Amino acid sequence: MLGCAAMASLAHTLSHDIGVPVIDGVAAAVKLVETLLDLTPKH
């Protein structure tokens, strides 16, 4: 997992270079918030 937003652009390159998936913490955090908002009951 990458540690800061400044490294976000490196995820694809790093993943390709080392041959394993790399998790971009910023993208993961945004997706988590989107998921939580989708799960929130709407009245």
N, C-alpha and C. Protein backbone atom coordinates (compact mmCIF):
# COMPACT_ATOMS: atom_id res chain seq x y z
N MET A 1 0.85 -1.17 0.00
CA MET A 1 0.00 0.00 0.00
C MET A 1 0.89 1.23 0.00
N LEU A 2 0.54 2.18 -0.85
CA LEU A 2 1.30 3.42 -0.89
C LEU A 2 0.90 4.29 0.29
N GLY A 3 1.85 5.06 0.80
CA GLY A 3 1.63 5.77 2.05
C GLY A 3 1.10 7.18 1.97
N CYS A 4 1.11 7.81 0.80
CA CYS A 4 0.64 9.19 0.77
C CYS A 4 0.14 9.55 -0.63
N ALA A 5 -0.57 10.67 -0.71
CA ALA A 5 -1.14 11.10 -1.98
C ALA A 5 -0.07 11.41 -3.02
N ALA A 6 1.08 11.84 -2.58
CA ALA A 6 2.16 12.19 -3.51
C ALA A 6 2.65 10.96 -4.28
N MET A 7 2.41 9.77 -3.76
CA MET A 7 2.85 8.54 -4.41
C MET A 7 1.77 7.92 -5.30
N ALA A 8 0.59 8.52 -5.34
CA ALA A 8 -0.54 7.93 -6.06
C ALA A 8 -0.23 7.66 -7.53
N SER A 9 0.51 8.52 -8.15
CA SER A 9 0.81 8.33 -9.57
C SER A 9 1.79 7.19 -9.81
N LEU A 10 2.41 6.68 -8.77
CA LEU A 10 3.39 5.60 -8.91
C LEU A 10 2.78 4.21 -8.85
N ALA A 11 1.54 4.10 -8.47
CA ALA A 11 0.92 2.79 -8.23
C ALA A 11 1.02 1.87 -9.44
N HIS A 12 0.63 2.35 -10.60
CA HIS A 12 0.64 1.49 -11.79
C HIS A 12 2.07 1.08 -12.15
N THR A 13 2.98 2.03 -12.15
CA THR A 13 4.38 1.73 -12.50
C THR A 13 5.00 0.77 -11.51
N LEU A 14 4.80 1.02 -10.23
CA LEU A 14 5.37 0.17 -9.20
C LEU A 14 4.79 -1.24 -9.28
N SER A 15 3.50 -1.34 -9.50
CA SER A 15 2.86 -2.65 -9.63
C SER A 15 3.45 -3.41 -10.81
N HIS A 16 3.64 -2.73 -11.91
CA HIS A 16 4.22 -3.37 -13.10
C HIS A 16 5.66 -3.81 -12.83
N ASP A 17 6.43 -2.96 -12.16
CA ASP A 17 7.85 -3.26 -11.91
C ASP A 17 8.06 -4.43 -10.95
N ILE A 18 7.23 -4.53 -9.91
CA ILE A 18 7.45 -5.58 -8.92
C ILE A 18 6.56 -6.80 -9.13
N GLY A 19 5.57 -6.67 -10.02
CA GLY A 19 4.75 -7.81 -10.39
C GLY A 19 3.66 -8.20 -9.41
N VAL A 20 3.31 -7.30 -8.51
CA VAL A 20 2.21 -7.58 -7.58
C VAL A 20 1.30 -6.35 -7.53
N PRO A 21 0.04 -6.55 -7.16
CA PRO A 21 -0.87 -5.41 -7.06
C PRO A 21 -0.39 -4.41 -6.00
N VAL A 22 -0.54 -3.14 -6.30
CA VAL A 22 -0.21 -2.08 -5.35
C VAL A 22 -1.49 -1.31 -5.06
N ILE A 23 -1.79 -1.11 -3.80
CA ILE A 23 -3.01 -0.40 -3.40
C ILE A 23 -2.68 1.07 -3.20
N ASP A 24 -3.39 1.92 -3.93
CA ASP A 24 -3.27 3.36 -3.77
C ASP A 24 -4.18 3.77 -2.62
N GLY A 25 -3.60 4.22 -1.54
CA GLY A 25 -4.37 4.55 -0.33
C GLY A 25 -5.42 5.61 -0.55
N VAL A 26 -5.13 6.60 -1.40
CA VAL A 26 -6.09 7.67 -1.66
C VAL A 26 -7.29 7.12 -2.41
N ALA A 27 -7.05 6.35 -3.46
CA ALA A 27 -8.15 5.77 -4.22
C ALA A 27 -8.97 4.81 -3.35
N ALA A 28 -8.29 4.05 -2.49
CA ALA A 28 -8.99 3.12 -1.61
C ALA A 28 -9.87 3.88 -0.61
N ALA A 29 -9.37 4.98 -0.11
CA ALA A 29 -10.14 5.78 0.85
C ALA A 29 -11.37 6.39 0.18
N VAL A 30 -11.20 6.90 -1.02
CA VAL A 30 -12.33 7.48 -1.75
C VAL A 30 -13.38 6.42 -2.03
N LYS A 31 -12.95 5.25 -2.45
CA LYS A 31 -13.90 4.16 -2.73
C LYS A 31 -14.63 3.72 -1.45
N LEU A 32 -13.92 3.71 -0.33
CA LEU A 32 -14.55 3.36 0.94
C LEU A 32 -15.67 4.35 1.28
N VAL A 33 -15.40 5.64 1.11
CA VAL A 33 -16.42 6.65 1.40
C VAL A 33 -17.61 6.50 0.45
N GLU A 34 -17.33 6.25 -0.83
CA GLU A 34 -18.42 6.03 -1.79
C GLU A 34 -19.29 4.85 -1.37
N THR A 35 -18.66 3.77 -0.94
CA THR A 35 -19.39 2.58 -0.52
C THR A 35 -20.22 2.86 0.72
N LEU A 36 -19.64 3.56 1.68
CA LEU A 36 -20.38 3.89 2.90
C LEU A 36 -21.57 4.78 2.60
N LEU A 37 -21.41 5.71 1.68
CA LEU A 37 -22.53 6.57 1.31
C LEU A 37 -23.63 5.77 0.61
N ASP A 38 -23.24 4.81 -0.20
CA ASP A 38 -24.24 3.96 -0.88
C ASP A 38 -25.00 3.09 0.12
N LEU A 39 -24.36 2.73 1.23
CA LEU A 39 -25.00 1.88 2.23
C LEU A 39 -25.88 2.66 3.20
N THR A 40 -25.74 3.96 3.22
CA THR A 40 -26.51 4.79 4.13
C THR A 40 -27.98 4.81 3.71
N PRO A 41 -28.89 4.50 4.63
CA PRO A 41 -30.32 4.52 4.29
C PRO A 41 -30.75 5.92 3.85
N LYS A 42 -31.53 5.97 2.81
CA LYS A 42 -32.04 7.25 2.31
C LYS A 42 -33.54 7.31 2.59
N HIS A 43 -33.98 8.41 3.14
CA HIS A 43 -35.40 8.55 3.52
C HIS A 43 -36.14 9.37 2.52
